[in-house]
Amino acid sequence: MLRKNEKLITIAEFKHASNAELAKLTLEEAGIESVVMGETVGCSFYHIVDNYIKLQVFERDAKLALQLLGEKVEQEGV
């Protein structure tokens, strides 16, 4: 839930929208709200834009989100 004056911050960048969506699902399973930004541009201009797809969370959740995504990468060897 959005609180007054909260900021979204980018915690990860991706080349492929599918990887961003998988990370978003991981966070949602842990109760962390997140948003994927730039999917359309990333898909349309993939040949000239690197890592344009961004995963953002509220600043208050950033540390936990990064920890969860780091654990997921270690478990799956991504």
C-alpha atoms as a PDB file:
ATOM      1  CA  MET A   1       0.000   0.000   0.000  1.00  0.00           C
ATOM      2  CA  LEU A   2       1.336   3.412  -0.979  1.00  0.00           C
ATOM      3  CA  ARG A   3       2.156   5.722   1.875  1.00  0.00           C
ATOM      4  CA  LYS A   4       2.585   9.469   1.613  1.00  0.00           C
ATOM      5  CA  ASN A   5       5.927  10.522   0.083  1.00  0.00           C
ATOM      6  CA  GLU A   6       7.144   6.987  -0.606  1.00  0.00           C
ATOM      7  CA  LYS A   7       9.611   6.455  -3.399  1.00  0.00           C
ATOM      8  CA  LEU A   8       9.998   3.582  -5.813  1.00  0.00           C
ATOM      9  CA  ILE A   9      13.583   2.573  -6.394  1.00  0.00           C
ATOM     10  CA  THR A  10      15.136   0.299  -8.991  1.00  0.00           C
ATOM     11  CA  ILE A  11      16.610  -2.838  -7.475  1.00  0.00           C
ATOM     12  CA  ALA A  12      17.360  -4.779 -10.665  1.00  0.00           C
ATOM     13  CA  GLU A  13      17.625  -4.344 -14.417  1.00  0.00           C
ATOM     14  CA  PHE A  14      16.910  -6.959 -17.058  1.00  0.00           C
ATOM     15  CA  LYS A  15      17.341  -7.543 -20.768  1.00  0.00           C
ATOM     16  CA  HIS A  16      14.294  -9.826 -20.966  1.00  0.00           C
ATOM     17  CA  ALA A  17      10.814  -9.080 -19.641  1.00  0.00           C
ATOM     18  CA  SER A  18      10.277 -12.716 -18.683  1.00  0.00           C
ATOM     19  CA  ASN A  19      13.170 -12.588 -16.194  1.00  0.00           C
ATOM     20  CA  ALA A  20      11.801  -9.374 -14.700  1.00  0.00           C
ATOM     21  CA  GLU A  21       8.363 -10.958 -14.298  1.00  0.00           C
ATOM     22  CA  LEU A  22       9.855 -14.016 -12.578  1.00  0.00           C
ATOM     23  CA  ALA A  23      11.663 -11.759 -10.117  1.00  0.00           C
ATOM     24  CA  LYS A  24       8.424  -9.827  -9.545  1.00  0.00           C
ATOM     25  CA  LEU A  25       6.601 -13.075  -8.771  1.00  0.00           C
ATOM     26  CA  THR A  26       9.296 -14.051  -6.282  1.00  0.00           C
ATOM     27  CA  LEU A  27       8.776 -10.774  -4.458  1.00  0.00           C
ATOM     28  CA  GLU A  28       4.988 -11.057  -4.562  1.00  0.00           C
ATOM     29  CA  GLU A  29       5.199 -14.506  -2.955  1.00  0.00           C
ATOM     30  CA  ALA A  30       7.027 -12.841  -0.057  1.00  0.00           C
ATOM     31  CA  GLY A  31       4.438 -10.065   0.194  1.00  0.00           C
ATOM     32  CA  ILE A  32       6.595  -7.358  -1.389  1.00  0.00           C
ATOM     33  CA  GLU A  33       4.870  -5.099  -3.890  1.00  0.00           C
ATOM     34  CA  SER A  34       6.871  -4.409  -7.030  1.00  0.00           C
ATOM     35  CA  VAL A  35       6.468  -3.049 -10.527  1.00  0.00           C
ATOM     36  CA  VAL A  36       8.204  -3.813 -13.819  1.00  0.00           C
ATOM     37  CA  MET A  37       8.983  -0.692 -15.835  1.00  0.00           C
ATOM     38  CA  GLY A  38      10.071  -0.451 -19.462  1.00  0.00           C
ATOM     39  CA  GLU A  39       8.724  -3.773 -20.745  1.00  0.00           C
ATOM     40  CA  THR A  40       7.320  -2.233 -23.910  1.00  0.00           C
ATOM     41  CA  VAL A  41      10.401  -0.211 -24.731  1.00  0.00           C
ATOM     42  CA  GLY A  42      12.708  -3.081 -23.845  1.00  0.00           C
ATOM     43  CA  CYS A  43      10.840  -5.444 -26.147  1.00  0.00           C
ATOM     44  CA  SER A  44      10.550  -2.951 -29.001  1.00  0.00           C
ATOM     45  CA  PHE A  45      14.103  -1.645 -28.906  1.00  0.00           C
ATOM     46  CA  TYR A  46      16.021  -4.616 -27.522  1.00  0.00           C
ATOM     47  CA  HIS A  47      18.683  -4.259 -30.206  1.00  0.00           C
ATOM     48  CA  ILE A  48      19.688  -0.731 -29.099  1.00  0.00           C
ATOM     49  CA  VAL A  49      18.728  -0.626 -25.406  1.00  0.00           C
ATOM     50  CA  ASP A  50      20.525  -2.787 -22.836  1.00  0.00           C
ATOM     51  CA  ASN A  51      18.896  -3.540 -19.493  1.00  0.00           C
ATOM     52  CA  TYR A  52      16.060  -1.095 -19.977  1.00  0.00           C
ATOM     53  CA  ILE A  53      13.550  -3.254 -18.110  1.00  0.00           C
ATOM     54  CA  LYS A  54      13.649  -2.285 -14.447  1.00  0.00           C
ATOM     55  CA  LEU A  55      12.203  -3.913 -11.342  1.00  0.00           C
ATOM     56  CA  GLN A  56      11.180  -1.375  -8.726  1.00  0.00           C
ATOM     57  CA  VAL A  57      10.027  -1.667  -5.116  1.00  0.00           C
ATOM     58  CA  PHE A  58       9.190   0.786  -2.379  1.00  0.00           C
ATOM     59  CA  GLU A  59      12.320   2.063  -0.691  1.00  0.00           C
ATOM     60  CA  ARG A  60      11.294   0.476   2.634  1.00  0.00           C
ATOM     61  CA  ASP A  61      11.304  -3.006   0.986  1.00  0.00           C
ATOM     62  CA  ALA A  62      14.517  -2.702  -1.037  1.00  0.00           C
ATOM     63  CA  LYS A  63      16.894  -4.457   1.353  1.00  0.00           C
ATOM     64  CA  LEU A  64      14.640  -7.486   1.853  1.00  0.00           C
ATOM     65  CA  ALA A  65      13.797  -7.643  -1.862  1.00  0.00           C
ATOM     66  CA  LEU A  66      17.468  -7.709  -2.827  1.00  0.00           C
ATOM     67  CA  GLN A  67      18.113 -10.404  -0.249  1.00  0.00           C
ATOM     68  CA  LEU A  68      15.250 -12.554  -1.565  1.00  0.00           C
ATOM     69  CA  LEU A  69      16.319 -12.175  -5.176  1.00  0.00           C
ATOM     70  CA  GLY A  70      19.916 -12.956  -4.249  1.00  0.00           C
ATOM     71  CA  GLU A  71      18.826 -16.160  -2.528  1.00  0.00           C
ATOM     72  CA  LYS A  72      16.729 -17.129  -5.547  1.00  0.00           C
ATOM     73  CA  VAL A  73      19.693 -16.651  -7.864  1.00  0.00           C
ATOM     74  CA  GLU A  74      21.894 -18.797  -5.612  1.00  0.00           C
ATOM     75  CA  GLN A  75      19.265 -21.565  -5.363  1.00  0.00           C
ATOM     76  CA  GLU A  76      18.545 -21.725  -9.071  1.00  0.00           C
ATOM     77  CA  GLY A  77      22.010 -20.887 -10.363  1.00  0.00           C
ATOM     78  CA  VAL A  78      20.640 -18.120 -12.563  1.00  0.00           C
END
